[in-house]
Amino acid sequence: MAATGSLLYVIVCAAGPAGDVGRLVAMAQDDGWAVQVVATPAALDFVDAQALEVQTGRSVRSRYRKPVEPKPPRADAIIVAPATYNTINKFAHGIADTYALGLLAEAPGLGIPVVMVPYVNDALAVRAPFLRSVEQLRAEGVCMLTGQAKPHIADTGAADVFPWRSALAELEDR
């Protein structure tokens, strides 16, 4: 259960389960979190931003703010779900070429807990760059929710059983 007023950033990437991210938002809200959804630019085509804005009471963010816009509040925690191959590798290498990656690049240095739920296919999940990135992020304290032996794999057809609750439970265990 989140402390009253705790702010959870849910970063959503462009992958099959992204359209169901409202399920995670609802679970987090039920647990007491205020939620800010941040979508990668490509994820905007996967989510219903308007519905998420109604659900959270906040605009879905996908770009850096303009200088005249107010600075958004800092997250108390971040869940990245679904986390794509591209986002995981860029995060591990400190690349901040999108708003979502900029938030992630700072999070470990600010002590913000991050839980990532990879959603990649079998071919990408066994690539050395991906495996190195997962280990590098774990070494920095990022929780990579990868199940027993390997990440949640897109090719299993399991988008309908994506582990939203597991991501939230892992965060709350931290």
Protein backbone atom coordinates (compact mmCIF):
# COMPACT_ATOMS: atom_id res chain seq x y z
CA MET A 1 0.00 0.00 0.00
CA ALA A 2 1.37 3.40 -0.99
CA ALA A 3 1.68 6.25 1.46
CA THR A 4 -1.05 8.83 0.97
CA GLY A 5 0.04 11.28 -1.68
CA SER A 6 2.72 9.03 -3.14
CA LEU A 7 3.13 9.53 -6.87
CA LEU A 8 3.73 6.58 -9.18
CA TYR A 9 4.94 7.22 -12.71
CA VAL A 10 3.79 4.49 -15.07
CA ILE A 11 5.96 4.57 -18.17
CA VAL A 12 4.39 2.69 -21.03
CA CYS A 13 6.25 1.58 -24.17
CA ALA A 14 4.93 0.57 -27.59
CA ALA A 15 4.16 -3.13 -27.17
CA GLY A 16 1.06 -5.32 -27.23
CA PRO A 17 -0.02 -4.99 -23.58
CA ALA A 18 0.27 -1.17 -23.63
CA GLY A 19 -3.41 -0.80 -24.50
CA ASP A 20 -4.29 -2.39 -21.15
CA VAL A 21 -2.10 -0.11 -19.00
CA GLY A 22 -5.29 1.28 -17.47
CA ARG A 23 -5.49 -2.00 -15.53
CA LEU A 24 -2.20 -1.18 -13.81
CA VAL A 25 -3.36 2.38 -13.18
CA ALA A 26 -6.55 1.12 -11.51
CA MET A 27 -4.63 -1.36 -9.32
CA ALA A 28 -2.17 1.34 -8.27
CA GLN A 29 -4.97 3.76 -7.45
CA ASP A 30 -6.72 1.06 -5.41
CA ASP A 31 -3.45 0.70 -3.47
CA GLY A 32 -3.38 4.42 -2.71
CA TRP A 33 -1.06 5.74 -5.41
CA ALA A 34 -1.62 8.90 -7.42
CA VAL A 35 -0.61 7.97 -10.98
CA GLN A 36 1.07 9.89 -13.78
CA VAL A 37 1.18 8.02 -17.09
CA VAL A 38 4.18 8.74 -19.31
CA ALA A 39 4.13 7.24 -22.80
CA THR A 40 7.05 6.87 -25.14
CA PRO A 41 6.27 8.65 -28.41
CA ALA A 42 5.60 5.34 -30.17
CA ALA A 43 3.35 4.16 -27.31
CA LEU A 44 0.89 6.97 -27.98
CA ASP A 45 -0.46 4.86 -30.86
CA PHE A 46 -1.06 1.94 -28.44
CA VAL A 47 -2.89 3.68 -25.60
CA ASP A 48 -6.11 5.63 -25.18
CA ALA A 49 -4.55 8.81 -23.81
CA GLN A 50 -7.91 10.48 -23.29
CA ALA A 51 -9.24 7.58 -21.20
CA LEU A 52 -6.03 7.50 -19.15
CA GLU A 53 -6.31 11.24 -18.52
CA VAL A 54 -9.86 10.78 -17.24
CA GLN A 55 -8.76 7.83 -15.11
CA THR A 56 -5.76 9.61 -13.54
CA GLY A 57 -6.89 13.22 -13.63
CA ARG A 58 -3.55 14.05 -15.27
CA SER A 59 -2.48 14.54 -18.88
CA VAL A 60 -0.49 11.69 -20.38
CA ARG A 61 3.05 13.03 -20.76
CA SER A 62 5.23 12.08 -23.72
CA ARG A 63 7.50 15.07 -24.27
CA TYR A 64 9.72 17.37 -22.28
CA ARG A 65 7.92 20.40 -20.90
CA LYS A 66 8.30 23.81 -22.46
CA PRO A 67 10.13 26.43 -20.37
CA VAL A 68 6.85 28.22 -19.61
CA GLU A 69 5.15 25.04 -18.36
CA PRO A 70 5.29 24.17 -14.66
CA LYS A 71 7.76 21.56 -13.52
CA PRO A 72 5.93 18.28 -12.83
CA PRO A 73 6.20 16.69 -9.39
CA ARG A 74 8.92 14.11 -8.88
CA ALA A 75 7.88 10.47 -8.85
CA ASP A 76 8.13 8.46 -5.64
CA ALA A 77 8.41 5.30 -7.75
CA ILE A 78 8.34 4.22 -11.39
CA ILE A 79 6.96 1.15 -13.14
CA VAL A 80 7.88 0.62 -16.80
CA ALA A 81 5.40 -1.78 -18.35
CA PRO A 82 5.53 -3.04 -20.95
CA ALA A 83 9.26 -2.33 -21.28
CA THR A 84 10.58 -2.86 -24.78
CA TYR A 85 13.97 -4.03 -25.98
CA ASN A 86 14.75 -0.52 -27.20
CA THR A 87 13.83 1.23 -23.95
CA ILE A 88 15.68 -1.28 -21.77
CA ASN A 89 18.87 -0.99 -23.81
CA LYS A 90 18.72 2.81 -24.00
CA PHE A 91 18.06 3.11 -20.26
CA ALA A 92 21.02 0.85 -19.47
CA HIS A 93 23.28 3.01 -21.63
CA GLY A 94 22.09 6.34 -20.22
CA ILE A 95 20.41 7.50 -23.42
CA ALA A 96 17.76 10.13 -22.69
CA ASP A 97 16.41 10.97 -26.14
CA THR A 98 12.75 10.94 -25.03
CA TYR A 99 10.98 12.29 -21.99
CA ALA A 100 10.41 8.76 -20.65
CA LEU A 101 14.10 7.90 -20.98
CA GLY A 102 15.10 11.19 -19.39
CA LEU A 103 13.03 10.31 -16.33
CA LEU A 104 14.55 6.85 -16.22
CA ALA A 105 18.11 8.13 -16.67
CA GLU A 106 17.76 10.24 -13.51
CA ALA A 107 15.81 7.80 -11.36
CA PRO A 108 18.67 5.65 -9.98
CA GLY A 109 20.69 8.73 -9.11
CA LEU A 110 17.71 10.25 -7.29
CA GLY A 111 16.97 7.05 -5.38
CA ILE A 112 13.62 6.53 -7.09
CA PRO A 113 12.71 2.82 -7.17
CA VAL A 114 12.17 1.47 -10.69
CA VAL A 115 10.42 -1.78 -11.64
CA MET A 116 10.58 -2.84 -15.28
CA VAL A 117 8.50 -5.56 -16.93
CA PRO A 118 10.23 -6.56 -20.17
CA TYR A 119 8.05 -7.55 -23.08
CA VAL A 120 10.31 -8.76 -25.85
CA ASN A 121 10.26 -11.63 -28.31
CA ASP A 122 12.41 -14.78 -28.07
CA ALA A 123 14.91 -13.58 -30.68
CA LEU A 124 15.61 -10.31 -28.85
CA ALA A 125 15.54 -11.83 -25.35
CA VAL A 126 18.61 -13.95 -26.04
CA ARG A 127 20.71 -11.18 -27.60
CA ALA A 128 23.88 -10.27 -25.73
CA PRO A 129 23.10 -6.52 -25.69
CA PHE A 130 19.75 -7.17 -24.02
CA LEU A 131 21.17 -9.60 -21.45
CA ARG A 132 23.97 -7.16 -20.60
CA SER A 133 21.46 -4.33 -20.22
CA VAL A 134 19.28 -6.37 -17.85
CA GLU A 135 22.29 -7.21 -15.68
CA GLN A 136 23.60 -3.64 -15.77
CA LEU A 137 20.25 -2.23 -14.67
CA ARG A 138 19.95 -4.81 -11.90
CA ALA A 139 23.41 -3.81 -10.69
CA GLU A 140 22.12 -0.23 -10.37
CA GLY A 141 19.17 -1.39 -8.26
CA VAL A 142 16.53 -1.49 -10.98
CA CYS A 143 14.12 -4.39 -10.53
CA MET A 144 13.80 -6.35 -13.76
CA LEU A 145 10.66 -8.45 -13.37
CA THR A 146 11.70 -11.29 -15.61
CA GLY A 147 10.12 -14.33 -14.02
CA GLN A 148 12.10 -17.42 -13.23
CA ALA A 149 14.46 -17.83 -16.16
CA LYS A 150 13.72 -15.22 -18.81
CA PRO A 151 11.72 -12.08 -19.49
CA HIS A 152 8.03 -12.05 -20.19
CA ILE A 153 8.11 -13.01 -23.84
CA ALA A 154 5.88 -11.51 -26.48
CA ASP A 155 5.82 -14.63 -28.65
CA THR A 156 3.94 -16.65 -26.03
CA GLY A 157 0.68 -14.93 -26.86
CA ALA A 158 0.39 -13.98 -23.21
CA ALA A 159 -0.48 -10.31 -23.64
CA ASP A 160 -3.81 -10.98 -21.94
CA VAL A 161 -2.02 -12.27 -18.82
CA PHE A 162 0.60 -9.55 -18.59
CA PRO A 163 1.85 -9.36 -14.96
CA TRP A 164 0.53 -5.91 -14.02
CA ARG A 165 -0.16 -6.96 -10.42
CA SER A 166 3.30 -8.52 -10.08
CA ALA A 167 4.93 -5.23 -11.07
CA LEU A 168 2.99 -3.35 -8.43
CA ALA A 169 3.62 -6.02 -5.77
CA GLU A 170 7.36 -5.93 -6.49
CA LEU A 171 7.39 -2.17 -6.12
CA GLU A 172 5.55 -2.31 -2.84
CA ASP A 173 8.00 -4.95 -1.54
CA ARG A 174 10.83 -2.44 -2.00
